[in-house]
Amino acid sequence: MDDSEDIIEGSDEEGETMTAAEVLQKLEEAWITEKMSPTLERHQSEYVECMLDQIKQMTENLKRCKKHDFRVAIHKMEIDRIRYMISSYLRIRIEKIEKFAHYLLEKEKTTDEESSLLSASELQYAKEYAANLESHFQNVVLQHVPENLRNFDPGKMAVKPNLDSFVFLKVKEECPAVVIEDDSGEGRDEEIDLEKDSQHLVRYKPVCHLLHSGAIKLI
């Protein structure tokens, strides 16, 4: 019944063995990152699938417990917590996919499979959503305007994420000489040292590479 003792093979990006508790921690960090990031981050579907399997296993284990075992209520609460986290994580991603659909699809054209932000199912959803949006726009608007104005360019209606949004972060690894560009355009860039365990409020764009390398995390 202790999910920290269950082993899941090949759950991380390097294919190393991880415990269910470690996978859950990775998923929770991905969930918080997705909530706080102004753009869509790379999918973590492998962690989602692992935890769904873990929920199924925990549910089966509960059926074998005695009816009045106090641990049943505790484990049911844990299952509900994990389900909520997964649902929230996927819902946030769907909202971003719908908001940035055309932008993401254009980006996917120049991205290899390993670096793709979208899972296979998310990519299919984005394509269908964009197609339905274009069809709706065609039927509701374009057919009622003069023919010379009916040219439809998805790129012009693409909503892009604001990478200059400010984010809160916590430093996991010391990051010296991080360049913070001058947003006024006057060329007065600044270098700052991010000390381990320190917390900062900065724009997303200058530190996104540190987020993706695991040197920082969003909070």
C-alpha atoms as a PDB file:
ATOM      1  CA  MET A   1       0.000   0.000   0.000  1.00  0.00           C
ATOM      2  CA  ASP A   2       2.974   2.348   0.451  1.00  0.00           C
ATOM      3  CA  ASP A   3       3.394   3.979  -2.959  1.00  0.00           C
ATOM      4  CA  SER A   4       6.919   5.118  -2.092  1.00  0.00           C
ATOM      5  CA  GLU A   5       8.062   1.493  -2.142  1.00  0.00           C
ATOM      6  CA  ASP A   6       6.566   0.639  -5.547  1.00  0.00           C
ATOM      7  CA  ILE A   7       9.099   0.710  -8.373  1.00  0.00           C
ATOM      8  CA  ILE A   8       8.316   2.038 -11.817  1.00  0.00           C
ATOM      9  CA  GLU A   9      10.790   1.077 -14.532  1.00  0.00           C
ATOM     10  CA  GLY A  10      12.075   3.689 -16.964  1.00  0.00           C
ATOM     11  CA  SER A  11       9.964   6.580 -15.756  1.00  0.00           C
ATOM     12  CA  ASP A  12      12.423   9.418 -16.197  1.00  0.00           C
ATOM     13  CA  GLU A  13      13.933  10.901 -19.353  1.00  0.00           C
ATOM     14  CA  GLU A  14      17.095   8.786 -19.050  1.00  0.00           C
ATOM     15  CA  GLY A  15      15.177   5.546 -18.585  1.00  0.00           C
ATOM     16  CA  GLU A  16      16.376   5.044 -15.013  1.00  0.00           C
ATOM     17  CA  THR A  17      14.313   3.292 -12.368  1.00  0.00           C
ATOM     18  CA  MET A  18      12.208   5.585 -10.201  1.00  0.00           C
ATOM     19  CA  THR A  19       9.911   4.987  -7.280  1.00  0.00           C
ATOM     20  CA  ALA A  20       6.262   5.997  -7.512  1.00  0.00           C
ATOM     21  CA  ALA A  21       6.953   8.731  -4.948  1.00  0.00           C
ATOM     22  CA  GLU A  22       9.700  10.165  -7.175  1.00  0.00           C
ATOM     23  CA  VAL A  23       7.429  10.067 -10.217  1.00  0.00           C
ATOM     24  CA  LEU A  24       4.712  11.834  -8.217  1.00  0.00           C
ATOM     25  CA  GLN A  25       7.195  14.540  -7.202  1.00  0.00           C
ATOM     26  CA  LYS A  26       8.191  15.033 -10.846  1.00  0.00           C
ATOM     27  CA  LEU A  27       4.540  15.272 -11.868  1.00  0.00           C
ATOM     28  CA  GLU A  28       3.767  17.776  -9.116  1.00  0.00           C
ATOM     29  CA  GLU A  29       6.673  19.968 -10.234  1.00  0.00           C
ATOM     30  CA  ALA A  30       5.471  19.747 -13.858  1.00  0.00           C
ATOM     31  CA  TRP A  31       1.971  20.730 -12.721  1.00  0.00           C
ATOM     32  CA  ILE A  32       3.196  23.810 -10.834  1.00  0.00           C
ATOM     33  CA  THR A  33       5.480  24.760 -13.731  1.00  0.00           C
ATOM     34  CA  GLU A  34       2.592  24.530 -16.185  1.00  0.00           C
ATOM     35  CA  LYS A  35       0.402  26.687 -13.942  1.00  0.00           C
ATOM     36  CA  MET A  36       3.040  29.387 -13.535  1.00  0.00           C
ATOM     37  CA  SER A  37       4.568  29.419 -17.010  1.00  0.00           C
ATOM     38  CA  PRO A  38       3.187  31.917 -19.568  1.00  0.00           C
ATOM     39  CA  THR A  39       3.690  29.383 -22.370  1.00  0.00           C
ATOM     40  CA  LEU A  40       3.099  25.690 -22.927  1.00  0.00           C
ATOM     41  CA  GLU A  41       5.936  23.597 -21.505  1.00  0.00           C
ATOM     42  CA  ARG A  42       7.078  20.224 -22.827  1.00  0.00           C
ATOM     43  CA  HIS A  43       4.553  17.487 -22.120  1.00  0.00           C
ATOM     44  CA  GLN A  44       5.219  15.043 -19.262  1.00  0.00           C
ATOM     45  CA  SER A  45       2.813  12.361 -20.421  1.00  0.00           C
ATOM     46  CA  GLU A  46       5.135   9.568 -19.244  1.00  0.00           C
ATOM     47  CA  TYR A  47       4.683  10.724 -15.641  1.00  0.00           C
ATOM     48  CA  VAL A  48       0.921  11.043 -16.105  1.00  0.00           C
ATOM     49  CA  GLU A  49       0.682   7.506 -17.483  1.00  0.00           C
ATOM     50  CA  CYS A  50       2.819   6.130 -14.651  1.00  0.00           C
ATOM     51  CA  MET A  51       0.635   7.746 -11.994  1.00  0.00           C
ATOM     52  CA  LEU A  52      -2.577   6.577 -13.661  1.00  0.00           C
ATOM     53  CA  ASP A  53      -1.191   3.044 -13.478  1.00  0.00           C
ATOM     54  CA  GLN A  54      -0.271   3.673  -9.847  1.00  0.00           C
ATOM     55  CA  ILE A  55      -3.808   4.864  -9.045  1.00  0.00           C
ATOM     56  CA  LYS A  56      -5.197   1.709 -10.601  1.00  0.00           C
ATOM     57  CA  GLN A  57      -2.835  -0.424  -8.535  1.00  0.00           C
ATOM     58  CA  MET A  58      -3.639   1.454  -5.314  1.00  0.00           C
ATOM     59  CA  THR A  59      -7.371   1.098  -5.981  1.00  0.00           C
ATOM     60  CA  GLU A  60      -6.988  -2.657  -6.428  1.00  0.00           C
ATOM     61  CA  ASN A  61      -4.997  -2.850  -3.180  1.00  0.00           C
ATOM     62  CA  LEU A  62      -7.755  -1.016  -1.315  1.00  0.00           C
ATOM     63  CA  LYS A  63     -10.246  -3.684  -2.326  1.00  0.00           C
ATOM     64  CA  ARG A  64      -8.188  -6.243  -0.409  1.00  0.00           C
ATOM     65  CA  CYS A  65      -8.104  -4.227   2.799  1.00  0.00           C
ATOM     66  CA  LYS A  66     -10.437  -4.848   5.686  1.00  0.00           C
ATOM     67  CA  LYS A  67     -13.544  -2.701   5.576  1.00  0.00           C
ATOM     68  CA  HIS A  68     -12.808  -0.765   8.769  1.00  0.00           C
ATOM     69  CA  ASP A  69      -9.045  -0.412   8.243  1.00  0.00           C
ATOM     70  CA  PHE A  70      -8.265   3.270   8.984  1.00  0.00           C
ATOM     71  CA  ARG A  71      -5.608   3.260   6.257  1.00  0.00           C
ATOM     72  CA  VAL A  72      -8.296   2.946   3.596  1.00  0.00           C
ATOM     73  CA  ALA A  73      -9.536   6.501   4.144  1.00  0.00           C
ATOM     74  CA  ILE A  74      -5.986   7.868   4.067  1.00  0.00           C
ATOM     75  CA  HIS A  75      -5.140   6.125   0.803  1.00  0.00           C
ATOM     76  CA  LYS A  76      -8.440   7.183  -0.764  1.00  0.00           C
ATOM     77  CA  MET A  77      -7.563  10.792   0.057  1.00  0.00           C
ATOM     78  CA  GLU A  78      -4.153  10.313  -1.575  1.00  0.00           C
ATOM     79  CA  ILE A  79      -5.756   8.824  -4.693  1.00  0.00           C
ATOM     80  CA  ASP A  80      -8.157  11.787  -4.901  1.00  0.00           C
ATOM     81  CA  ARG A  81      -5.239  14.209  -4.530  1.00  0.00           C
ATOM     82  CA  ILE A  82      -3.304  12.574  -7.363  1.00  0.00           C
ATOM     83  CA  ARG A  83      -6.391  12.488  -9.582  1.00  0.00           C
ATOM     84  CA  TYR A  84      -6.986  16.196  -8.959  1.00  0.00           C
ATOM     85  CA  MET A  85      -3.362  17.017  -9.808  1.00  0.00           C
ATOM     86  CA  ILE A  86      -3.481  15.047 -13.058  1.00  0.00           C
ATOM     87  CA  SER A  87      -6.839  16.556 -14.049  1.00  0.00           C
ATOM     88  CA  SER A  88      -5.656  20.086 -13.302  1.00  0.00           C
ATOM     89  CA  TYR A  89      -2.382  19.563 -15.165  1.00  0.00           C
ATOM     90  CA  LEU A  90      -4.129  18.258 -18.277  1.00  0.00           C
ATOM     91  CA  ARG A  91      -6.836  20.935 -18.116  1.00  0.00           C
ATOM     92  CA  ILE A  92      -4.246  23.741 -17.971  1.00  0.00           C
ATOM     93  CA  ARG A  93      -2.451  22.262 -20.968  1.00  0.00           C
ATOM     94  CA  ILE A  94      -5.676  21.985 -22.965  1.00  0.00           C
ATOM     95  CA  GLU A  95      -6.508  25.623 -22.217  1.00  0.00           C
ATOM     96  CA  LYS A  96      -3.078  26.712 -23.453  1.00  0.00           C
ATOM     97  CA  ILE A  97      -3.328  24.506 -26.554  1.00  0.00           C
ATOM     98  CA  GLU A  98      -6.666  26.104 -27.440  1.00  0.00           C
ATOM     99  CA  LYS A  99      -5.319  29.602 -26.810  1.00  0.00           C
ATOM    100  CA  PHE A 100      -2.063  29.161 -28.756  1.00  0.00           C
ATOM    101  CA  ALA A 101      -3.196  26.496 -31.257  1.00  0.00           C
ATOM    102  CA  HIS A 102      -1.950  28.080 -34.494  1.00  0.00           C
ATOM    103  CA  TYR A 103       1.282  29.277 -32.874  1.00  0.00           C
ATOM    104  CA  LEU A 104       2.021  25.804 -31.492  1.00  0.00           C
ATOM    105  CA  LEU A 105       1.250  24.062 -34.779  1.00  0.00           C
ATOM    106  CA  GLU A 106       3.614  26.380 -36.657  1.00  0.00           C
ATOM    107  CA  LYS A 107       6.296  25.715 -34.058  1.00  0.00           C
ATOM    108  CA  GLU A 108       5.787  21.955 -34.335  1.00  0.00           C
ATOM    109  CA  LYS A 109       6.674  22.085 -38.040  1.00  0.00           C
ATOM    110  CA  THR A 110      10.292  22.911 -37.156  1.00  0.00           C
ATOM    111  CA  THR A 111      10.550  20.765 -34.015  1.00  0.00           C
ATOM    112  CA  ASP A 112      11.692  17.145 -33.872  1.00  0.00           C
ATOM    113  CA  GLU A 113       9.678  14.542 -31.990  1.00  0.00           C
ATOM    114  CA  GLU A 114      12.013  14.424 -28.978  1.00  0.00           C
ATOM    115  CA  SER A 115      11.767  18.193 -28.454  1.00  0.00           C
ATOM    116  CA  SER A 116       8.041  18.441 -29.157  1.00  0.00           C
ATOM    117  CA  LEU A 117       6.001  20.351 -26.602  1.00  0.00           C
ATOM    118  CA  LEU A 118       2.907  18.326 -27.448  1.00  0.00           C
ATOM    119  CA  SER A 119       2.197  14.661 -26.903  1.00  0.00           C
ATOM    120  CA  ALA A 120       0.820  12.720 -29.875  1.00  0.00           C
ATOM    121  CA  SER A 121      -2.769  13.037 -28.603  1.00  0.00           C
ATOM    122  CA  GLU A 122      -2.314  16.759 -27.841  1.00  0.00           C
ATOM    123  CA  LEU A 123      -0.931  17.381 -31.325  1.00  0.00           C
ATOM    124  CA  GLN A 124      -3.945  15.659 -32.872  1.00  0.00           C
ATOM    125  CA  TYR A 125      -6.277  17.721 -30.665  1.00  0.00           C
ATOM    126  CA  ALA A 126      -4.511  20.956 -31.641  1.00  0.00           C
ATOM    127  CA  LYS A 127      -4.878  20.149 -35.347  1.00  0.00           C
ATOM    128  CA  GLU A 128      -8.564  19.322 -34.997  1.00  0.00           C
ATOM    129  CA  TYR A 129      -9.227  22.403 -32.855  1.00  0.00           C
ATOM    130  CA  ALA A 130      -7.459  24.702 -35.333  1.00  0.00           C
ATOM    131  CA  ALA A 131      -9.315  23.121 -38.275  1.00  0.00           C
ATOM    132  CA  ASN A 132     -12.690  23.505 -36.527  1.00  0.00           C
ATOM    133  CA  LEU A 133     -11.877  27.096 -35.612  1.00  0.00           C
ATOM    134  CA  GLU A 134     -11.004  27.924 -39.214  1.00  0.00           C
ATOM    135  CA  SER A 135     -14.140  26.172 -40.482  1.00  0.00           C
ATOM    136  CA  HIS A 136     -16.297  28.099 -38.017  1.00  0.00           C
ATOM    137  CA  PHE A 137     -14.677  31.384 -39.012  1.00  0.00           C
ATOM    138  CA  GLN A 138     -15.234  30.541 -42.680  1.00  0.00           C
ATOM    139  CA  ASN A 139     -18.925  29.715 -42.212  1.00  0.00           C
ATOM    140  CA  VAL A 140     -19.781  32.537 -39.839  1.00  0.00           C
ATOM    141  CA  VAL A 141     -17.685  35.404 -41.225  1.00  0.00           C
ATOM    142  CA  LEU A 142     -15.860  34.912 -44.506  1.00  0.00           C
ATOM    143  CA  GLN A 143     -18.779  33.721 -46.599  1.00  0.00           C
ATOM    144  CA  HIS A 144     -20.583  36.963 -45.803  1.00  0.00           C
ATOM    145  CA  VAL A 145     -17.820  39.339 -46.935  1.00  0.00           C
ATOM    146  CA  PRO A 146     -16.731  40.301 -50.476  1.00  0.00           C
ATOM    147  CA  GLU A 147     -14.719  37.611 -52.267  1.00  0.00           C
ATOM    148  CA  ASN A 148     -11.569  39.736 -52.429  1.00  0.00           C
ATOM    149  CA  LEU A 149     -11.527  39.829 -48.614  1.00  0.00           C
ATOM    150  CA  ARG A 150     -11.926  36.109 -48.041  1.00  0.00           C
ATOM    151  CA  ASN A 151      -8.259  35.205 -47.883  1.00  0.00           C
ATOM    152  CA  PHE A 152      -7.653  33.469 -44.579  1.00  0.00           C
ATOM    153  CA  ASP A 153      -4.178  33.496 -43.030  1.00  0.00           C
ATOM    154  CA  PRO A 154      -4.019  31.430 -39.805  1.00  0.00           C
ATOM    155  CA  GLY A 155      -0.683  33.017 -38.960  1.00  0.00           C
ATOM    156  CA  LYS A 156      -2.280  36.431 -38.610  1.00  0.00           C
ATOM    157  CA  MET A 157      -4.771  35.182 -36.035  1.00  0.00           C
ATOM    158  CA  ALA A 158      -2.210  33.162 -34.076  1.00  0.00           C
ATOM    159  CA  VAL A 159      -2.019  34.184 -30.428  1.00  0.00           C
ATOM    160  CA  LYS A 160       1.524  33.991 -29.074  1.00  0.00           C
ATOM    161  CA  PRO A 161       2.440  33.565 -25.395  1.00  0.00           C
ATOM    162  CA  ASN A 162       3.895  36.593 -23.653  1.00  0.00           C
ATOM    163  CA  LEU A 163       7.437  35.455 -22.894  1.00  0.00           C
ATOM    164  CA  ASP A 164       8.125  38.745 -21.138  1.00  0.00           C
ATOM    165  CA  SER A 165       5.678  37.850 -18.362  1.00  0.00           C
ATOM    166  CA  PHE A 166       7.155  37.854 -14.878  1.00  0.00           C
ATOM    167  CA  VAL A 167       7.479  34.570 -12.980  1.00  0.00           C
ATOM    168  CA  PHE A 168       8.488  33.587  -9.458  1.00  0.00           C
ATOM    169  CA  LEU A 169      11.316  31.085  -9.334  1.00  0.00           C
ATOM    170  CA  LYS A 170      13.461  29.182  -6.869  1.00  0.00           C
ATOM    171  CA  VAL A 171      17.050  28.329  -7.729  1.00  0.00           C
ATOM    172  CA  LYS A 172      17.935  24.630  -7.545  1.00  0.00           C
ATOM    173  CA  GLU A 173      21.511  24.978  -8.808  1.00  0.00           C
ATOM    174  CA  GLU A 174      23.785  28.019  -8.627  1.00  0.00           C
ATOM    175  CA  CYS A 175      23.547  30.033 -11.864  1.00  0.00           C
ATOM    176  CA  PRO A 176      26.258  32.697 -12.235  1.00  0.00           C
ATOM    177  CA  ALA A 177      26.145  35.594 -14.697  1.00  0.00           C
ATOM    178  CA  VAL A 178      22.598  35.231 -15.956  1.00  0.00           C
ATOM    179  CA  VAL A 179      21.944  37.946 -18.540  1.00  0.00           C
ATOM    180  CA  ILE A 180      18.747  39.928 -18.010  1.00  0.00           C
ATOM    181  CA  GLU A 181      18.070  41.938 -21.160  1.00  0.00           C
ATOM    182  CA  ASP A 182      16.958  45.549 -20.888  1.00  0.00           C
ATOM    183  CA  ASP A 183      13.274  45.542 -21.841  1.00  0.00           C
ATOM    184  CA  SER A 184      13.426  49.260 -22.656  1.00  0.00           C
ATOM    185  CA  GLY A 185      15.526  48.493 -25.733  1.00  0.00           C
ATOM    186  CA  GLU A 186      18.332  50.842 -24.665  1.00  0.00           C
ATOM    187  CA  GLY A 187      20.892  48.048 -24.412  1.00  0.00           C
ATOM    188  CA  ARG A 188      21.410  48.295 -20.647  1.00  0.00           C
ATOM    189  CA  ASP A 189      21.527  44.552 -20.052  1.00  0.00           C
ATOM    190  CA  GLU A 190      22.316  43.284 -16.568  1.00  0.00           C
ATOM    191  CA  GLU A 191      24.114  40.202 -15.292  1.00  0.00           C
ATOM    192  CA  ILE A 192      22.899  38.639 -12.060  1.00  0.00           C
ATOM    193  CA  ASP A 193      24.057  35.661 -10.024  1.00  0.00           C
ATOM    194  CA  LEU A 194      21.304  33.281  -8.940  1.00  0.00           C
ATOM    195  CA  GLU A 195      22.390  31.644  -5.708  1.00  0.00           C
ATOM    196  CA  LYS A 196      21.132  28.197  -4.771  1.00  0.00           C
ATOM    197  CA  ASP A 197      17.838  28.199  -2.796  1.00  0.00           C
ATOM    198  CA  SER A 198      17.289  31.921  -3.494  1.00  0.00           C
ATOM    199  CA  GLN A 199      13.958  33.137  -4.872  1.00  0.00           C
ATOM    200  CA  HIS A 200      13.423  35.771  -7.541  1.00  0.00           C
ATOM    201  CA  LEU A 201      10.788  37.569  -9.589  1.00  0.00           C
ATOM    202  CA  VAL A 202      12.057  37.924 -13.170  1.00  0.00           C
ATOM    203  CA  ARG A 203      10.832  37.841 -16.749  1.00  0.00           C
ATOM    204  CA  TYR A 204      10.346  34.363 -18.160  1.00  0.00           C
ATOM    205  CA  LYS A 205      12.352  34.731 -21.377  1.00  0.00           C
ATOM    206  CA  PRO A 206      15.861  35.276 -19.871  1.00  0.00           C
ATOM    207  CA  VAL A 207      15.528  32.270 -17.540  1.00  0.00           C
ATOM    208  CA  CYS A 208      13.495  29.770 -19.586  1.00  0.00           C
ATOM    209  CA  HIS A 209      16.657  27.878 -20.580  1.00  0.00           C
ATOM    210  CA  LEU A 210      17.474  27.446 -16.883  1.00  0.00           C
ATOM    211  CA  LEU A 211      13.981  26.097 -16.274  1.00  0.00           C
ATOM    212  CA  HIS A 212      14.332  23.553 -19.074  1.00  0.00           C
ATOM    213  CA  SER A 213      17.789  22.466 -17.850  1.00  0.00           C
ATOM    214  CA  GLY A 214      16.447  21.925 -14.316  1.00  0.00           C
ATOM    215  CA  ALA A 215      18.575  24.636 -12.700  1.00  0.00           C
ATOM    216  CA  ILE A 216      15.508  26.525 -11.462  1.00  0.00           C
ATOM    217  CA  LYS A 217      11.857  25.784 -10.804  1.00  0.00           C
ATOM    218  CA  LEU A 218       8.778  27.975 -10.895  1.00  0.00           C
ATOM    219  CA  ILE A 219       6.855  28.549  -7.685  1.00  0.00           C
END
